[in-house]
Each structure stands twice: as C-alpha cells, then as structure tokens.
Amino acid sequence: MKENDLQLEGLYDLFLKLETRDDCRALLEDLCTYKEVEQMAQRAYAAKLFLEGKTYNEIIAETDISSTTLSRISRSLMHGSGGYKKFIDYDGKDNG
C-alpha cells in the first residue's frame, strides 16, 4: 500500500472513532481551517436541498454557493459513491 493510501486509511480510522458532535467538532477544528469546515457544511446543506428537490437557483439563493461547486455536488449525487444520499436526512426519509 502506498504511503498516501496509508495516510487516507488513518484519516478514515480517525473518523470512525468519533462518538459525539463535540468529538467531531474538536477533530475538524484541529484538521481544517474554519473556512474549510464552513465550506464542507455548505456543500452538505446544498446536497440536502438538492435531495429535497430544490432547483439550482433556489439553492444558490439560499446558500450563496458557487454554480461550479453546486454542479460538482449535483454530479456527486448522480454519479458519486452515494455518501450524500446515505448520510443526509431529507424529507423524513430513512437513509440509514
């Protein structure tokens, strides 16, 4: 396994150890800048709005996200690994 792959596996293992929102907050504060965490939160929220059936224009108006980023989120929802759909609650659907 390549060094980069080992580092990624280590990161995934860190996330698996999180038990509470405070754990998550502490780890993200140490790993990322505030802006990076803010951008991840914005992307997750935009994905939730997409899953709820909102349009591009509605999502941009509500989140102020760029159309480029929104396009990437849309592609991830349609062709990605399924992470957004699996972990984001929307319209009361059970995603677990």
C-alpha atoms as a PDB file:
ATOM      1  CA  MET A   1       0.000   0.000   0.000  1.00  0.00           C
ATOM      2  CA  LYS A   2       1.318   3.451  -0.905  1.00  0.00           C
ATOM      3  CA  GLU A   3       2.137   5.964   1.827  1.00  0.00           C
ATOM      4  CA  ASN A   4      -0.695   8.230   0.700  1.00  0.00           C
ATOM      5  CA  ASP A   5      -3.139   5.322   0.916  1.00  0.00           C
ATOM      6  CA  LEU A   6      -1.947   4.556   4.443  1.00  0.00           C
ATOM      7  CA  GLN A   7      -2.483   8.182   5.407  1.00  0.00           C
ATOM      8  CA  LEU A   8      -6.001   8.131   3.982  1.00  0.00           C
ATOM      9  CA  GLU A   9      -6.816   4.920   5.836  1.00  0.00           C
ATOM     10  CA  GLY A  10      -5.532   6.543   9.015  1.00  0.00           C
ATOM     11  CA  LEU A  11      -7.832   9.511   8.455  1.00  0.00           C
ATOM     12  CA  TYR A  12     -10.817   7.238   7.897  1.00  0.00           C
ATOM     13  CA  ASP A  13      -9.940   5.411  11.108  1.00  0.00           C
ATOM     14  CA  LEU A  14      -9.924   8.745  12.969  1.00  0.00           C
ATOM     15  CA  PHE A  15     -13.448   9.498  11.747  1.00  0.00           C
ATOM     16  CA  LEU A  16     -14.620   6.060  12.834  1.00  0.00           C
ATOM     17  CA  LYS A  17     -13.557   6.875  16.409  1.00  0.00           C
ATOM     18  CA  LEU A  18     -15.893   9.885  16.641  1.00  0.00           C
ATOM     19  CA  GLU A  19     -18.751   9.315  19.055  1.00  0.00           C
ATOM     20  CA  THR A  20     -20.255  12.747  19.643  1.00  0.00           C
ATOM     21  CA  ARG A  21     -20.777  16.060  17.881  1.00  0.00           C
ATOM     22  CA  ASP A  22     -18.173  17.548  20.240  1.00  0.00           C
ATOM     23  CA  ASP A  23     -15.682  14.862  19.139  1.00  0.00           C
ATOM     24  CA  CYS A  24     -16.368  15.759  15.518  1.00  0.00           C
ATOM     25  CA  ARG A  25     -16.053  19.490  16.179  1.00  0.00           C
ATOM     26  CA  ALA A  26     -12.732  19.043  18.017  1.00  0.00           C
ATOM     27  CA  LEU A  27     -11.219  16.883  15.281  1.00  0.00           C
ATOM     28  CA  LEU A  28     -12.366  19.144  12.459  1.00  0.00           C
ATOM     29  CA  GLU A  29     -11.086  22.244  14.285  1.00  0.00           C
ATOM     30  CA  ASP A  30      -7.654  20.622  14.527  1.00  0.00           C
ATOM     31  CA  LEU A  31      -7.615  19.193  10.989  1.00  0.00           C
ATOM     32  CA  CYS A  32      -9.134  22.045   8.999  1.00  0.00           C
ATOM     33  CA  THR A  33      -9.353  25.788   8.859  1.00  0.00           C
ATOM     34  CA  TYR A  34     -12.670  27.344   9.859  1.00  0.00           C
ATOM     35  CA  LYS A  35     -13.280  28.213   6.197  1.00  0.00           C
ATOM     36  CA  GLU A  36     -12.735  24.588   5.103  1.00  0.00           C
ATOM     37  CA  VAL A  37     -15.232  23.311   7.676  1.00  0.00           C
ATOM     38  CA  GLU A  38     -17.669  26.051   6.679  1.00  0.00           C
ATOM     39  CA  GLN A  39     -17.362  25.038   3.004  1.00  0.00           C
ATOM     40  CA  MET A  40     -17.958  21.361   3.815  1.00  0.00           C
ATOM     41  CA  ALA A  41     -21.042  22.315   5.822  1.00  0.00           C
ATOM     42  CA  GLN A  42     -22.276  24.454   2.927  1.00  0.00           C
ATOM     43  CA  ARG A  43     -21.818  21.569   0.477  1.00  0.00           C
ATOM     44  CA  ALA A  44     -23.640  19.118   2.728  1.00  0.00           C
ATOM     45  CA  TYR A  45     -26.519  21.584   3.132  1.00  0.00           C
ATOM     46  CA  ALA A  46     -26.680  22.212  -0.619  1.00  0.00           C
ATOM     47  CA  ALA A  47     -26.795  18.437  -1.205  1.00  0.00           C
ATOM     48  CA  LYS A  48     -29.677  18.196   1.284  1.00  0.00           C
ATOM     49  CA  LEU A  49     -31.553  20.907  -0.622  1.00  0.00           C
ATOM     50  CA  PHE A  50     -30.955  19.054  -3.913  1.00  0.00           C
ATOM     51  CA  LEU A  51     -32.281  15.855  -2.359  1.00  0.00           C
ATOM     52  CA  GLU A  52     -35.361  17.786  -1.235  1.00  0.00           C
ATOM     53  CA  GLY A  53     -35.986  18.790  -4.846  1.00  0.00           C
ATOM     54  CA  LYS A  54     -34.809  22.398  -4.790  1.00  0.00           C
ATOM     55  CA  THR A  55     -33.568  23.931  -8.048  1.00  0.00           C
ATOM     56  CA  TYR A  56     -30.102  25.313  -8.762  1.00  0.00           C
ATOM     57  CA  ASN A  57     -31.383  28.871  -8.461  1.00  0.00           C
ATOM     58  CA  GLU A  58     -33.170  28.195  -5.177  1.00  0.00           C
ATOM     59  CA  ILE A  59     -30.066  26.571  -3.688  1.00  0.00           C
ATOM     60  CA  ILE A  60     -27.761  29.368  -4.836  1.00  0.00           C
ATOM     61  CA  ALA A  61     -30.149  31.967  -3.411  1.00  0.00           C
ATOM     62  CA  GLU A  62     -30.324  30.178  -0.061  1.00  0.00           C
ATOM     63  CA  THR A  63     -26.670  29.180   0.332  1.00  0.00           C
ATOM     64  CA  ASP A  64     -24.696  31.659  -1.809  1.00  0.00           C
ATOM     65  CA  ILE A  65     -22.729  28.661  -3.105  1.00  0.00           C
ATOM     66  CA  SER A  66     -20.986  28.991  -6.461  1.00  0.00           C
ATOM     67  CA  SER A  67     -22.573  27.393  -9.502  1.00  0.00           C
ATOM     68  CA  THR A  68     -19.344  25.445 -10.090  1.00  0.00           C
ATOM     69  CA  THR A  69     -19.456  23.898  -6.620  1.00  0.00           C
ATOM     70  CA  LEU A  70     -23.155  23.232  -6.968  1.00  0.00           C
ATOM     71  CA  SER A  71     -22.535  21.460 -10.272  1.00  0.00           C
ATOM     72  CA  ARG A  72     -19.945  19.248  -8.587  1.00  0.00           C
ATOM     73  CA  ILE A  73     -22.425  18.377  -5.832  1.00  0.00           C
ATOM     74  CA  SER A  74     -25.036  17.537  -8.441  1.00  0.00           C
ATOM     75  CA  ARG A  75     -22.592  15.232 -10.261  1.00  0.00           C
ATOM     76  CA  SER A  76     -21.711  13.561  -6.954  1.00  0.00           C
ATOM     77  CA  LEU A  77     -25.370  12.972  -6.210  1.00  0.00           C
ATOM     78  CA  MET A  78     -25.951  11.410  -9.626  1.00  0.00           C
ATOM     79  CA  HIS A  79     -22.664   9.578 -10.200  1.00  0.00           C
ATOM     80  CA  GLY A  80     -20.755   9.573  -6.921  1.00  0.00           C
ATOM     81  CA  SER A  81     -20.232   6.943  -4.255  1.00  0.00           C
ATOM     82  CA  GLY A  82     -23.599   7.562  -2.572  1.00  0.00           C
ATOM     83  CA  GLY A  83     -22.257   9.229   0.553  1.00  0.00           C
ATOM     84  CA  TYR A  84     -24.573  12.216   0.389  1.00  0.00           C
ATOM     85  CA  LYS A  85     -27.672  10.076  -0.071  1.00  0.00           C
ATOM     86  CA  LYS A  86     -26.647   7.605   2.607  1.00  0.00           C
ATOM     87  CA  PHE A  87     -25.871  10.097   5.348  1.00  0.00           C
ATOM     88  CA  ILE A  88     -28.012  13.175   4.724  1.00  0.00           C
ATOM     89  CA  ASP A  89     -31.537  13.135   6.111  1.00  0.00           C
ATOM     90  CA  TYR A  90     -34.054  14.740   3.824  1.00  0.00           C
ATOM     91  CA  ASP A  91     -37.851  14.793   3.679  1.00  0.00           C
ATOM     92  CA  GLY A  92     -38.040  12.437   6.627  1.00  0.00           C
ATOM     93  CA  LYS A  93     -36.692   9.526   4.598  1.00  0.00           C
ATOM     94  CA  ASP A  94     -34.675   6.865   6.410  1.00  0.00           C
ATOM     95  CA  ASN A  95     -31.205   6.918   4.873  1.00  0.00           C
ATOM     96  CA  GLY A  96     -29.511   4.504   7.242  1.00  0.00           C
END
